[in-house]
Amino acid sequence: MVAFGLTGDYADLMADVAHRVTPLSDRDAREMVRSLRATPLLESRGVELAALEEIVLRISAMVEDLPEIEALELRPVRLLPPGDGVAVAHATIRLADSPTGAGGGPS
């Protein structure tokens, strides 16, 4: 599952978050980013929504390729000037105890 939303007091209060089950398609990422109630605010500030869609797709691919990832949080993701994409200020990754995520060793 991938969740996408804005952060901060106002965004947290509104619970403006989109969820999708992986793997995500280009269409899924586009719908997630553009489904937020805050999207018009982002667009009015000239935010490159395609850069946000790209990071959502990369996260989806990573969690599909690495099943040992149990949880991943990127916060905050900084939006850089047009053409420069995004920068992740902090990432937290929690790994499962086993590659299957079952939390145990062999039986």
C-alpha atoms as a PDB file:
ATOM      1  CA  MET A   1       0.000   0.000   0.000  1.00  0.00           C
ATOM      2  CA  VAL A   2       1.244   3.491  -0.850  1.00  0.00           C
ATOM      3  CA  ALA A   3      -0.165   6.611   0.798  1.00  0.00           C
ATOM      4  CA  PHE A   4       0.409  10.116  -0.549  1.00  0.00           C
ATOM      5  CA  GLY A   5      -0.508  13.395   1.088  1.00  0.00           C
ATOM      6  CA  LEU A   6       0.755  16.758   2.172  1.00  0.00           C
ATOM      7  CA  THR A   7       2.175  17.272   5.652  1.00  0.00           C
ATOM      8  CA  GLY A   8       1.900  20.015   8.188  1.00  0.00           C
ATOM      9  CA  ASP A   9      -0.721  21.038  10.709  1.00  0.00           C
ATOM     10  CA  TYR A  10      -3.324  22.081   8.146  1.00  0.00           C
ATOM     11  CA  ALA A  11      -2.822  19.038   5.937  1.00  0.00           C
ATOM     12  CA  ASP A  12      -2.840  16.660   8.911  1.00  0.00           C
ATOM     13  CA  LEU A  13      -6.061  18.218  10.168  1.00  0.00           C
ATOM     14  CA  MET A  14      -7.743  17.749   6.780  1.00  0.00           C
ATOM     15  CA  ALA A  15      -6.530  14.121   6.441  1.00  0.00           C
ATOM     16  CA  ASP A  16      -6.085  14.766   2.729  1.00  0.00           C
ATOM     17  CA  VAL A  17      -4.421  11.474   1.765  1.00  0.00           C
ATOM     18  CA  ALA A  18      -4.698   9.145  -1.225  1.00  0.00           C
ATOM     19  CA  HIS A  19      -4.065   5.380  -0.935  1.00  0.00           C
ATOM     20  CA  ARG A  20      -3.390   2.721  -3.575  1.00  0.00           C
ATOM     21  CA  VAL A  21      -2.267  -0.911  -3.520  1.00  0.00           C
ATOM     22  CA  THR A  22       1.037  -1.652  -5.258  1.00  0.00           C
ATOM     23  CA  PRO A  23       2.166  -2.087  -7.934  1.00  0.00           C
ATOM     24  CA  LEU A  24       1.140   1.327  -9.200  1.00  0.00           C
ATOM     25  CA  SER A  25       0.704   2.352 -12.812  1.00  0.00           C
ATOM     26  CA  ASP A  26       1.415   5.816 -14.215  1.00  0.00           C
ATOM     27  CA  ARG A  27      -2.328   6.412 -14.076  1.00  0.00           C
ATOM     28  CA  ASP A  28      -2.499   5.402 -10.398  1.00  0.00           C
ATOM     29  CA  ALA A  29       0.288   7.841  -9.477  1.00  0.00           C
ATOM     30  CA  ARG A  30      -1.332  10.634 -11.465  1.00  0.00           C
ATOM     31  CA  GLU A  31      -4.717  10.034  -9.817  1.00  0.00           C
ATOM     32  CA  MET A  32      -3.165   9.900  -6.333  1.00  0.00           C
ATOM     33  CA  VAL A  33      -1.347  13.203  -6.698  1.00  0.00           C
ATOM     34  CA  ARG A  34      -4.216  14.985  -8.411  1.00  0.00           C
ATOM     35  CA  SER A  35      -6.977  13.624  -6.143  1.00  0.00           C
ATOM     36  CA  LEU A  36      -5.925  15.655  -3.111  1.00  0.00           C
ATOM     37  CA  ARG A  37      -8.068  18.613  -2.162  1.00  0.00           C
ATOM     38  CA  ALA A  38      -4.816  20.579  -1.881  1.00  0.00           C
ATOM     39  CA  THR A  39      -3.810  19.964  -5.524  1.00  0.00           C
ATOM     40  CA  PRO A  40      -5.159  23.346  -6.742  1.00  0.00           C
ATOM     41  CA  LEU A  41      -2.929  25.033  -4.151  1.00  0.00           C
ATOM     42  CA  LEU A  42       0.103  23.134  -5.460  1.00  0.00           C
ATOM     43  CA  GLU A  43      -0.760  24.015  -9.042  1.00  0.00           C
ATOM     44  CA  SER A  44      -1.207  27.712  -8.172  1.00  0.00           C
ATOM     45  CA  ARG A  45       2.330  27.700  -6.765  1.00  0.00           C
ATOM     46  CA  GLY A  46       3.776  26.170  -9.943  1.00  0.00           C
ATOM     47  CA  VAL A  47       4.615  22.821  -8.368  1.00  0.00           C
ATOM     48  CA  GLU A  48       5.677  20.170 -10.856  1.00  0.00           C
ATOM     49  CA  LEU A  49       3.089  17.493 -10.180  1.00  0.00           C
ATOM     50  CA  ALA A  50       4.954  15.133 -12.520  1.00  0.00           C
ATOM     51  CA  ALA A  51       7.909  15.129 -10.085  1.00  0.00           C
ATOM     52  CA  LEU A  52       5.580  14.039  -7.287  1.00  0.00           C
ATOM     53  CA  GLU A  53       4.065  11.359  -9.506  1.00  0.00           C
ATOM     54  CA  GLU A  54       7.557  10.071 -10.318  1.00  0.00           C
ATOM     55  CA  ILE A  55       8.526   9.690  -6.666  1.00  0.00           C
ATOM     56  CA  VAL A  56       5.269   7.833  -5.948  1.00  0.00           C
ATOM     57  CA  LEU A  57       6.050   5.441  -8.835  1.00  0.00           C
ATOM     58  CA  ARG A  58       9.611   4.885  -7.636  1.00  0.00           C
ATOM     59  CA  ILE A  59       8.418   4.077  -4.124  1.00  0.00           C
ATOM     60  CA  SER A  60       5.912   1.596  -5.540  1.00  0.00           C
ATOM     61  CA  ALA A  61       8.632  -0.101  -7.596  1.00  0.00           C
ATOM     62  CA  MET A  62      11.007  -0.219  -4.626  1.00  0.00           C
ATOM     63  CA  VAL A  63       8.534  -1.868  -2.277  1.00  0.00           C
ATOM     64  CA  GLU A  64       7.615  -4.385  -4.979  1.00  0.00           C
ATOM     65  CA  ASP A  65      11.306  -5.219  -5.582  1.00  0.00           C
ATOM     66  CA  LEU A  66      12.203  -5.349  -1.883  1.00  0.00           C
ATOM     67  CA  PRO A  67       9.490  -7.289  -0.020  1.00  0.00           C
ATOM     68  CA  GLU A  68      11.441  -6.955   3.233  1.00  0.00           C
ATOM     69  CA  ILE A  69      10.353  -3.296   3.403  1.00  0.00           C
ATOM     70  CA  GLU A  70       7.552  -3.246   5.935  1.00  0.00           C
ATOM     71  CA  ALA A  71       7.154   0.524   6.112  1.00  0.00           C
ATOM     72  CA  LEU A  72       8.715   3.531   4.407  1.00  0.00           C
ATOM     73  CA  GLU A  73       8.122   7.187   5.177  1.00  0.00           C
ATOM     74  CA  LEU A  74       9.594  10.165   3.345  1.00  0.00           C
ATOM     75  CA  ARG A  75       9.001  13.363   5.260  1.00  0.00           C
ATOM     76  CA  PRO A  76       9.343  15.992   4.137  1.00  0.00           C
ATOM     77  CA  VAL A  77       9.757  15.814   0.407  1.00  0.00           C
ATOM     78  CA  ARG A  78      10.918  19.230  -0.771  1.00  0.00           C
ATOM     79  CA  LEU A  79       9.737  20.462  -4.139  1.00  0.00           C
ATOM     80  CA  LEU A  80      12.651  22.020  -6.010  1.00  0.00           C
ATOM     81  CA  PRO A  81      12.504  24.671  -8.747  1.00  0.00           C
ATOM     82  CA  PRO A  82      10.928  23.560 -12.041  1.00  0.00           C
ATOM     83  CA  GLY A  83      13.073  20.963 -13.783  1.00  0.00           C
ATOM     84  CA  ASP A  84      14.978  20.008 -10.621  1.00  0.00           C
ATOM     85  CA  GLY A  85      12.510  17.450  -9.236  1.00  0.00           C
ATOM     86  CA  VAL A  86      12.308  16.768  -5.513  1.00  0.00           C
ATOM     87  CA  ALA A  87      14.604  16.268  -2.529  1.00  0.00           C
ATOM     88  CA  VAL A  88      13.867  13.990   0.400  1.00  0.00           C
ATOM     89  CA  ALA A  89      14.911  15.573   3.693  1.00  0.00           C
ATOM     90  CA  HIS A  90      14.328  12.489   5.862  1.00  0.00           C
ATOM     91  CA  ALA A  91      13.535   8.849   5.155  1.00  0.00           C
ATOM     92  CA  THR A  92      12.589   6.126   7.612  1.00  0.00           C
ATOM     93  CA  ILE A  93      12.529   2.495   6.524  1.00  0.00           C
ATOM     94  CA  ARG A  94      11.392  -0.395   8.708  1.00  0.00           C
ATOM     95  CA  LEU A  95      12.346  -3.886   7.578  1.00  0.00           C
ATOM     96  CA  ALA A  96      10.458  -7.083   8.335  1.00  0.00           C
ATOM     97  CA  ASP A  97      12.117  -9.795  10.395  1.00  0.00           C
ATOM     98  CA  SER A  98      12.073 -12.113   7.386  1.00  0.00           C
ATOM     99  CA  PRO A  99      11.993 -11.547   3.608  1.00  0.00           C
ATOM    100  CA  THR A 100       8.340 -12.638   3.503  1.00  0.00           C
ATOM    101  CA  GLY A 101       7.369 -10.146   6.171  1.00  0.00           C
ATOM    102  CA  ALA A 102       6.082 -12.982   8.351  1.00  0.00           C
ATOM    103  CA  GLY A 103       8.142 -11.820  11.318  1.00  0.00           C
ATOM    104  CA  GLY A 104       9.754 -15.115  12.135  1.00  0.00           C
ATOM    105  CA  GLY A 105      12.366 -17.623  11.170  1.00  0.00           C
ATOM    106  CA  PRO A 106      11.935 -20.975   9.468  1.00  0.00           C
ATOM    107  CA  SER A 107       9.444 -23.364  10.991  1.00  0.00           C
END
